PDB file of N, CA and C in Angstrom:
ATOM      1  N   MET A   1     -18.983   6.485  -3.726  1.00  0.00           N
ATOM      2  CA  MET A   1     -18.506   5.351  -4.489  1.00  0.00           C
ATOM      3  C   MET A   1     -17.550   5.863  -5.565  1.00  0.00           C
ATOM      4  N   THR A   2     -16.464   5.155  -5.757  1.00  0.00           N
ATOM      5  CA  THR A   2     -15.493   5.501  -6.783  1.00  0.00           C
ATOM      6  C   THR A   2     -15.557   4.422  -7.857  1.00  0.00           C
ATOM      7  N   ILE A   3     -15.738   4.844  -9.111  1.00  0.00           N
ATOM      8  CA  ILE A   3     -15.937   3.902 -10.208  1.00  0.00           C
ATOM      9  C   ILE A   3     -14.844   4.078 -11.260  1.00  0.00           C
ATOM     10  N   ALA A   4     -14.387   2.955 -11.807  1.00  0.00           N
ATOM     11  CA  ALA A   4     -13.427   2.960 -12.911  1.00  0.00           C
ATOM     12  C   ALA A   4     -13.949   2.004 -13.973  1.00  0.00           C
ATOM     13  N   THR A   5     -13.523   2.194 -15.212  1.00  0.00           N
ATOM     14  CA  THR A   5     -13.965   1.365 -16.329  1.00  0.00           C
ATOM     15  C   THR A   5     -12.808   0.521 -16.839  1.00  0.00           C
ATOM     16  N   VAL A   6     -13.088  -0.744 -17.141  1.00  0.00           N
ATOM     17  CA  VAL A   6     -12.088  -1.649 -17.709  1.00  0.00           C
ATOM     18  C   VAL A   6     -12.062  -1.432 -19.220  1.00  0.00           C
ATOM     19  N   THR A   7     -10.861  -1.249 -19.783  1.00  0.00           N
ATOM     20  CA  THR A   7     -10.723  -1.058 -21.227  1.00  0.00           C
ATOM     21  C   THR A   7     -10.734  -2.406 -21.943  1.00  0.00           C
ATOM     22  N   SER A   8     -10.738  -2.373 -23.269  1.00  0.00           N
ATOM     23  CA  SER A   8     -10.723  -3.609 -24.060  1.00  0.00           C
ATOM     24  C   SER A   8      -9.444  -4.408 -23.830  1.00  0.00           C
ATOM     25  N   LYS A   9      -8.394  -3.758 -23.339  1.00  0.00           N
ATOM     26  CA  LYS A   9      -7.127  -4.435 -23.046  1.00  0.00           C
ATOM     27  C   LYS A   9      -7.049  -4.885 -21.593  1.00  0.00           C
ATOM     28  N   GLY A  10      -8.134  -4.725 -20.839  1.00  0.00           N
ATOM     29  CA  GLY A  10      -8.145  -5.149 -19.442  1.00  0.00           C
ATOM     30  C   GLY A  10      -7.487  -4.158 -18.500  1.00  0.00           C
ATOM     31  N   GLN A  11      -7.294  -2.938 -18.952  1.00  0.00           N
ATOM     32  CA  GLN A  11      -6.648  -1.930 -18.122  1.00  0.00           C
ATOM     33  C   GLN A  11      -7.687  -1.074 -17.410  1.00  0.00           C
ATOM     34  N   VAL A  12      -7.291  -0.578 -16.233  1.00  0.00           N
ATOM     35  CA  VAL A  12      -8.149   0.291 -15.441  1.00  0.00           C
ATOM     36  C   VAL A  12      -7.311   1.474 -14.983  1.00  0.00           C
ATOM     37  N   THR A  13      -7.864   2.668 -15.080  1.00  0.00           N
ATOM     38  CA  THR A  13      -7.202   3.837 -14.522  1.00  0.00           C
ATOM     39  C   THR A  13      -7.686   3.983 -13.092  1.00  0.00           C
ATOM     40  N   ILE A  14      -6.762   3.978 -12.164  1.00  0.00           N
ATOM     41  CA  ILE A  14      -7.120   4.123 -10.751  1.00  0.00           C
ATOM     42  C   ILE A  14      -7.477   5.589 -10.518  1.00  0.00           C
ATOM     43  N   PRO A  15      -8.661   5.838  -9.982  1.00  0.00           N
ATOM     44  CA  PRO A  15      -9.079   7.229  -9.751  1.00  0.00           C
ATOM     45  C   PRO A  15      -8.087   7.987  -8.868  1.00  0.00           C
ATOM     46  N   LYS A  16      -7.943   9.273  -9.151  1.00  0.00           N
ATOM     47  CA  LYS A  16      -6.977  10.115  -8.450  1.00  0.00           C
ATOM     48  C   LYS A  16      -7.175  10.064  -6.938  1.00  0.00           C
ATOM     49  N   LYS A  17      -8.416  10.090  -6.487  1.00  0.00           N
ATOM     50  CA  LYS A  17      -8.722  10.055  -5.054  1.00  0.00           C
ATOM     51  C   LYS A  17      -8.130   8.798  -4.399  1.00  0.00           C
ATOM     52  N   VAL A  18      -8.213   7.671  -5.078  1.00  0.00           N
ATOM     53  CA  VAL A  18      -7.678   6.408  -4.563  1.00  0.00           C
ATOM     54  C   VAL A  18      -6.154   6.431  -4.592  1.00  0.00           C
ATOM     55  N   ARG A  19      -5.574   6.904  -5.714  1.00  0.00           N
ATOM     56  CA  ARG A  19      -4.105   6.985  -5.810  1.00  0.00           C
ATOM     57  C   ARG A  19      -3.523   7.851  -4.706  1.00  0.00           C
ATOM     58  N   GLU A  20      -4.171   8.989  -4.445  1.00  0.00           N
ATOM     59  CA  GLU A  20      -3.673   9.892  -3.410  1.00  0.00           C
ATOM     60  C   GLU A  20      -3.808   9.275  -2.017  1.00  0.00           C
ATOM     61  N   HIS A  21      -4.920   8.616  -1.760  1.00  0.00           N
ATOM     62  CA  HIS A  21      -5.147   8.006  -0.443  1.00  0.00           C
ATOM     63  C   HIS A  21      -4.080   6.966  -0.114  1.00  0.00           C
ATOM     64  N   PHE A  22      -3.712   6.154  -1.115  1.00  0.00           N
ATOM     65  CA  PHE A  22      -2.733   5.092  -0.904  1.00  0.00           C
ATOM     66  C   PHE A  22      -1.321   5.493  -1.323  1.00  0.00           C
ATOM     67  N   HIS A  23      -1.131   6.749  -1.683  1.00  0.00           N
ATOM     68  CA  HIS A  23       0.183   7.267  -2.090  1.00  0.00           C
ATOM     69  C   HIS A  23       0.766   6.436  -3.236  1.00  0.00           C
ATOM     70  N   LEU A  24      -0.074   6.050  -4.186  1.00  0.00           N
ATOM     71  CA  LEU A  24       0.386   5.247  -5.323  1.00  0.00           C
ATOM     72  C   LEU A  24       1.095   6.131  -6.330  1.00  0.00           C
ATOM     73  N   GLN A  25       2.179   5.606  -6.869  1.00  0.00           N
ATOM     74  CA  GLN A  25       2.974   6.335  -7.859  1.00  0.00           C
ATOM     75  C   GLN A  25       3.215   5.431  -9.058  1.00  0.00           C
ATOM     76  N   THR A  26       3.640   6.024 -10.145  1.00  0.00           N
ATOM     77  CA  THR A  26       3.959   5.253 -11.342  1.00  0.00           C
ATOM     78  C   THR A  26       4.939   4.141 -10.998  1.00  0.00           C
ATOM     79  N   GLY A  27       4.621   2.927 -11.434  1.00  0.00           N
ATOM     80  CA  GLY A  27       5.492   1.784 -11.189  1.00  0.00           C
ATOM     81  C   GLY A  27       5.138   0.989  -9.943  1.00  0.00           C
ATOM     82  N   ASP A  28       4.277   1.531  -9.075  1.00  0.00           N
ATOM     83  CA  ASP A  28       3.861   0.774  -7.895  1.00  0.00           C
ATOM     84  C   ASP A  28       3.063  -0.451  -8.332  1.00  0.00           C
ATOM     85  N   LYS A  29       3.093  -1.478  -7.522  1.00  0.00           N
ATOM     86  CA  LYS A  29       2.413  -2.732  -7.845  1.00  0.00           C
ATOM     87  C   LYS A  29       1.201  -2.923  -6.951  1.00  0.00           C
ATOM     88  N   LEU A  30       0.185  -3.613  -7.497  1.00  0.00           N
ATOM     89  CA  LEU A  30      -1.031  -3.921  -6.760  1.00  0.00           C
ATOM     90  C   LEU A  30      -1.250  -5.427  -6.762  1.00  0.00           C
ATOM     91  N   ASP A  31      -1.769  -5.940  -5.678  1.00  0.00           N
ATOM     92  CA  ASP A  31      -2.074  -7.360  -5.542  1.00  0.00           C
ATOM     93  C   ASP A  31      -3.592  -7.520  -5.610  1.00  0.00           C
ATOM     94  N   PHE A  32      -4.095  -8.306  -6.569  1.00  0.00           N
ATOM     95  CA  PHE A  32      -5.526  -8.557  -6.729  1.00  0.00           C
ATOM     96  C   PHE A  32      -5.825  -9.921  -6.126  1.00  0.00           C
ATOM     97  N   GLN A  33      -6.745  -9.960  -5.156  1.00  0.00           N
ATOM     98  CA  GLN A  33      -7.098 -11.217  -4.511  1.00  0.00           C
ATOM     99  C   GLN A  33      -8.607 -11.431  -4.592  1.00  0.00           C
ATOM    100  N   ILE A  34      -8.992 -12.642  -5.023  1.00  0.00           N
ATOM    101  CA  ILE A  34     -10.397 -13.010  -5.057  1.00  0.00           C
ATOM    102  C   ILE A  34     -10.698 -13.697  -3.732  1.00  0.00           C
ATOM    103  N   GLU A  35     -11.631 -13.134  -2.979  1.00  0.00           N
ATOM    104  CA  GLU A  35     -11.988 -13.653  -1.667  1.00  0.00           C
ATOM    105  C   GLU A  35     -12.918 -14.862  -1.796  1.00  0.00           C
ATOM    106  N   VAL A  36     -13.079 -15.610  -0.725  1.00  0.00           N
ATOM    107  CA  VAL A  36     -13.917 -16.799  -0.696  1.00  0.00           C
ATOM    108  C   VAL A  36     -15.356 -16.471  -1.103  1.00  0.00           C
ATOM    109  N   ASP A  37     -15.842 -15.291  -0.711  1.00  0.00           N
ATOM    110  CA  ASP A  37     -17.218 -14.907  -1.033  1.00  0.00           C
ATOM    111  C   ASP A  37     -17.365 -14.362  -2.463  1.00  0.00           C
ATOM    112  N   GLY A  38     -16.266 -14.379  -3.233  1.00  0.00           N
ATOM    113  CA  GLY A  38     -16.301 -13.923  -4.623  1.00  0.00           C
ATOM    114  C   GLY A  38     -15.978 -12.452  -4.808  1.00  0.00           C
ATOM    115  N   SER A  39     -15.781 -11.740  -3.719  1.00  0.00           N
ATOM    116  CA  SER A  39     -15.448 -10.318  -3.841  1.00  0.00           C
ATOM    117  C   SER A  39     -13.980 -10.150  -4.233  1.00  0.00           C
ATOM    118  N   LEU A  40     -13.654  -8.982  -4.738  1.00  0.00           N
ATOM    119  CA  LEU A  40     -12.296  -8.669  -5.176  1.00  0.00           C
ATOM    120  C   LEU A  40     -11.688  -7.679  -4.205  1.00  0.00           C
ATOM    121  N   ARG A  41     -10.480  -7.959  -3.776  1.00  0.00           N
ATOM    122  CA  ARG A  41      -9.729  -7.030  -2.926  1.00  0.00           C
ATOM    123  C   ARG A  41      -8.441  -6.667  -3.648  1.00  0.00           C
ATOM    124  N   VAL A  42      -8.095  -5.407  -3.571  1.00  0.00           N
ATOM    125  CA  VAL A  42      -6.866  -4.923  -4.193  1.00  0.00           C
ATOM    126  C   VAL A  42      -6.007  -4.312  -3.095  1.00  0.00           C
ATOM    127  N   TYR A  43      -4.761  -4.781  -3.009  1.00  0.00           N
ATOM    128  CA  TYR A  43      -3.832  -4.309  -1.988  1.00  0.00           C
ATOM    129  C   TYR A  43      -2.605  -3.697  -2.656  1.00  0.00           C
ATOM    130  N   PRO A  44      -2.175  -2.528  -2.194  1.00  0.00           N
ATOM    131  CA  PRO A  44      -0.894  -2.017  -2.684  1.00  0.00           C
ATOM    132  C   PRO A  44       0.225  -2.884  -2.126  1.00  0.00           C
ATOM    133  N   ILE A  45       1.196  -3.224  -2.963  1.00  0.00           N
ATOM    134  CA  ILE A  45       2.336  -4.033  -2.529  1.00  0.00           C
ATOM    135  C   ILE A  45       3.309  -3.092  -1.826  1.00  0.00           C
ATOM    136  N   ALA A  46       3.895  -3.577  -0.747  1.00  0.00           N
ATOM    137  CA  ALA A  46       4.854  -2.771   0.013  1.00  0.00           C
ATOM    138  C   ALA A  46       6.008  -2.353  -0.882  1.00  0.00           C
ATOM    139  N   ARG A  47       6.562  -1.243  -0.562  1.00  0.00           N
ATOM    140  CA  ARG A  47       7.696  -0.727  -1.338  1.00  0.00           C
ATOM    141  C   ARG A  47       8.956  -1.542  -1.088  1.00  0.00           C
ATOM    142  N   LYS A  48       9.984  -1.268  -1.853  1.00  0.00           N
ATOM    143  CA  LYS A  48      11.259  -1.975  -1.727  1.00  0.00           C
ATOM    144  C   LYS A  48      11.869  -1.723  -0.349  1.00  0.00           C
ATOM    145  N   VAL A  49      12.580  -2.713   0.131  1.00  0.00           N
ATOM    146  CA  VAL A  49      13.244  -2.597   1.429  1.00  0.00           C
ATOM    147  C   VAL A  49      14.171  -1.383   1.439  1.00  0.00           C
ATOM    148  N   SER A  50      14.843  -1.120   0.337  1.00  0.00           N
ATOM    149  CA  SER A  50      15.776   0.008   0.283  1.00  0.00           C
ATOM    150  C   SER A  50      15.068   1.350   0.497  1.00  0.00           C
ATOM    151  N   GLU A  51      13.755   1.402   0.176  1.00  0.00           N
ATOM    152  CA  GLU A  51      13.008   2.642   0.343  1.00  0.00           C
ATOM    153  C   GLU A  51      12.539   2.854   1.778  1.00  0.00           C
ATOM    154  N   VAL A  52      12.376   1.772   2.534  1.00  0.00           N
ATOM    155  CA  VAL A  52      11.891   1.901   3.903  1.00  0.00           C
ATOM    156  C   VAL A  52      12.972   1.644   4.944  1.00  0.00           C
ATOM    157  N   PHE A  53      14.158   1.258   4.500  1.00  0.00           N
ATOM    158  CA  PHE A  53      15.250   0.951   5.423  1.00  0.00           C
ATOM    159  C   PHE A  53      15.591   2.179   6.263  1.00  0.00           C
ATOM    160  N   GLY A  54      15.675   1.988   7.548  1.00  0.00           N
ATOM    161  CA  GLY A  54      16.059   3.078   8.434  1.00  0.00           C
ATOM    162  C   GLY A  54      14.907   3.890   8.979  1.00  0.00           C
ATOM    163  N   VAL A  55      13.664   3.533   8.653  1.00  0.00           N
ATOM    164  CA  VAL A  55      12.510   4.297   9.126  1.00  0.00           C
ATOM    165  C   VAL A  55      12.468   4.336  10.643  1.00  0.00           C
ATOM    166  N   PHE A  56      12.886   3.252  11.294  1.00  0.00           N
ATOM    167  CA  PHE A  56      12.826   3.178  12.746  1.00  0.00           C
ATOM    168  C   PHE A  56      14.185   3.398  13.404  1.00  0.00           C
ATOM    169  N   ALA A  57      15.162   3.798  12.666  1.00  0.00           N
ATOM    170  CA  ALA A  57      16.519   3.896  13.203  1.00  0.00           C
ATOM    171  C   ALA A  57      16.600   4.753  14.464  1.00  0.00           C
ATOM    172  N   ALA A  58      15.932   5.875  14.504  1.00  0.00           N
ATOM    173  CA  ALA A  58      16.018   6.768  15.648  1.00  0.00           C
ATOM    174  C   ALA A  58      15.265   6.231  16.864  1.00  0.00           C
ATOM    175  N   LYS A  59      14.315   5.323  16.655  1.00  0.00           N
ATOM    176  CA  LYS A  59      13.486   4.848  17.750  1.00  0.00           C
ATOM    177  C   LYS A  59      13.749   3.387  18.101  1.00  0.00           C
ATOM    178  N   ALA A  60      14.786   2.802  17.589  1.00  0.00           N
ATOM    179  CA  ALA A  60      15.048   1.374  17.788  1.00  0.00           C
ATOM    180  C   ALA A  60      15.883   1.107  19.032  1.00  0.00           C
ATOM    181  N   THR A  61      15.600   1.807  20.114  1.00  0.00           N
ATOM    182  CA  THR A  61      16.368   1.625  21.342  1.00  0.00           C
ATOM    183  C   THR A  61      15.834   0.492  22.211  1.00  0.00           C
ATOM    184  N   THR A  62      14.586   0.053  21.961  1.00  0.00           N
ATOM    185  CA  THR A  62      14.004  -1.053  22.725  1.00  0.00           C
ATOM    186  C   THR A  62      13.407  -2.075  21.772  1.00  0.00           C
ATOM    187  N   ALA A  63      13.223  -3.290  22.271  1.00  0.00           N
ATOM    188  CA  ALA A  63      12.613  -4.342  21.461  1.00  0.00           C
ATOM    189  C   ALA A  63      11.155  -3.984  21.172  1.00  0.00           C
ATOM    190  N   GLN A  64      10.681  -4.368  19.979  1.00  0.00           N
ATOM    191  CA  GLN A  64       9.307  -4.078  19.590  1.00  0.00           C
ATOM    192  C   GLN A  64       8.656  -5.347  19.065  1.00  0.00           C
ATOM    193  N   SER A  65       7.357  -5.483  19.316  1.00  0.00           N
ATOM    194  CA  SER A  65       6.642  -6.635  18.792  1.00  0.00           C
ATOM    195  C   SER A  65       6.432  -6.465  17.294  1.00  0.00           C
ATOM    196  N   THR A  66       6.211  -7.570  16.616  1.00  0.00           N
ATOM    197  CA  THR A  66       5.962  -7.528  15.178  1.00  0.00           C
ATOM    198  C   THR A  66       4.729  -6.701  14.874  1.00  0.00           C
ATOM    199  N   SER A  67       3.671  -6.855  15.675  1.00  0.00           N
ATOM    200  CA  SER A  67       2.446  -6.095  15.425  1.00  0.00           C
ATOM    201  C   SER A  67       2.675  -4.596  15.605  1.00  0.00           C
ATOM    202  N   ALA A  68       3.494  -4.204  16.575  1.00  0.00           N
ATOM    203  CA  ALA A  68       3.802  -2.791  16.778  1.00  0.00           C
ATOM    204  C   ALA A  68       4.578  -2.234  15.583  1.00  0.00           C
ATOM    205  N   ILE A  69       5.505  -3.015  15.074  1.00  0.00           N
ATOM    206  CA  ILE A  69       6.292  -2.592  13.912  1.00  0.00           C
ATOM    207  C   ILE A  69       5.386  -2.443  12.693  1.00  0.00           C
ATOM    208  N   LYS A  70       4.499  -3.425  12.486  1.00  0.00           N
ATOM    209  CA  LYS A  70       3.570  -3.349  11.345  1.00  0.00           C
ATOM    210  C   LYS A  70       2.692  -2.108  11.445  1.00  0.00           C
ATOM    211  N   GLN A  71       2.189  -1.815  12.640  1.00  0.00           N
ATOM    212  CA  GLN A  71       1.337  -0.645  12.838  1.00  0.00           C
ATOM    213  C   GLN A  71       2.094   0.637  12.521  1.00  0.00           C
ATOM    214  N   ARG A  72       3.340   0.739  12.971  1.00  0.00           N
ATOM    215  CA  ARG A  72       4.139   1.938  12.691  1.00  0.00           C
ATOM    216  C   ARG A  72       4.449   2.052  11.208  1.00  0.00           C
ATOM    217  N   LEU A  73       4.669   0.923  10.533  1.00  0.00           N
ATOM    218  CA  LEU A  73       4.899   0.960   9.093  1.00  0.00           C
ATOM    219  C   LEU A  73       3.649   1.464   8.365  1.00  0.00           C
ATOM    220  N   ARG A  74       2.468   0.968   8.774  1.00  0.00           N
ATOM    221  CA  ARG A  74       1.216   1.429   8.158  1.00  0.00           C
ATOM    222  C   ARG A  74       1.051   2.933   8.336  1.00  0.00           C
ATOM    223  N   GLN A  75       1.315   3.422   9.554  1.00  0.00           N
ATOM    224  CA  GLN A  75       1.181   4.842   9.822  1.00  0.00           C
ATOM    225  C   GLN A  75       2.161   5.670   8.992  1.00  0.00           C
ATOM    226  N   ALA A  76       3.381   5.194   8.894  1.00  0.00           N
ATOM    227  CA  ALA A  76       4.382   5.905   8.088  1.00  0.00           C
ATOM    228  C   ALA A  76       3.996   5.905   6.619  1.00  0.00           C
ATOM    229  N   PHE A  77       3.457   4.776   6.123  1.00  0.00           N
ATOM    230  CA  PHE A  77       3.030   4.693   4.731  1.00  0.00           C
ATOM    231  C   PHE A  77       1.885   5.647   4.466  1.00  0.00           C
ATOM    232  N   LYS A  78       0.887   5.676   5.353  1.00  0.00           N
ATOM    233  CA  LYS A  78      -0.266   6.563   5.183  1.00  0.00           C
ATOM    234  C   LYS A  78       0.151   8.033   5.228  1.00  0.00           C
ATOM    235  N   ALA A  79       1.175   8.331   6.019  1.00  0.00           N
ATOM    236  CA  ALA A  79       1.653   9.702   6.132  1.00  0.00           C
ATOM    237  C   ALA A  79       2.570  10.092   4.962  1.00  0.00           C
ATOM    238  N   GLY A  80       2.855   9.127   4.082  1.00  0.00           N
ATOM    239  CA  GLY A  80       3.697   9.413   2.926  1.00  0.00           C
ATOM    240  C   GLY A  80       5.182   9.442   3.229  1.00  0.00           C
ATOM    241  N   LYS A  81       5.570   8.928   4.387  1.00  0.00           N
ATOM    242  CA  LYS A  81       6.981   8.925   4.756  1.00  0.00           C
ATOM    243  C   LYS A  81       7.749   7.815   4.076  1.00  0.00           C
ATOM    244  N   ILE A  82       7.040   6.774   3.641  1.00  0.00           N
ATOM    245  CA  ILE A  82       7.679   5.677   2.933  1.00  0.00           C
ATOM    246  C   ILE A  82       6.857   5.315   1.726  1.00  0.00           C
TER     247      ILE A  82
END
């Protein structure tokens, strides 16, 4: 379990293990969503289009489904390529 403490100003320091796993850097944005069951989910917001533009340029010789593109983007993000 990874634990963080909320400060009096409502700030939280994201533990290093979490930052490294999601490749979070200074200035990155997070989306906080309250689920129907009352749980909290935090999602890293995708990077700017200018940062990911051209990721598939070498492999864009055939049509790809949206789900295939999303999967490749996730893999590239996890690998730190974008």
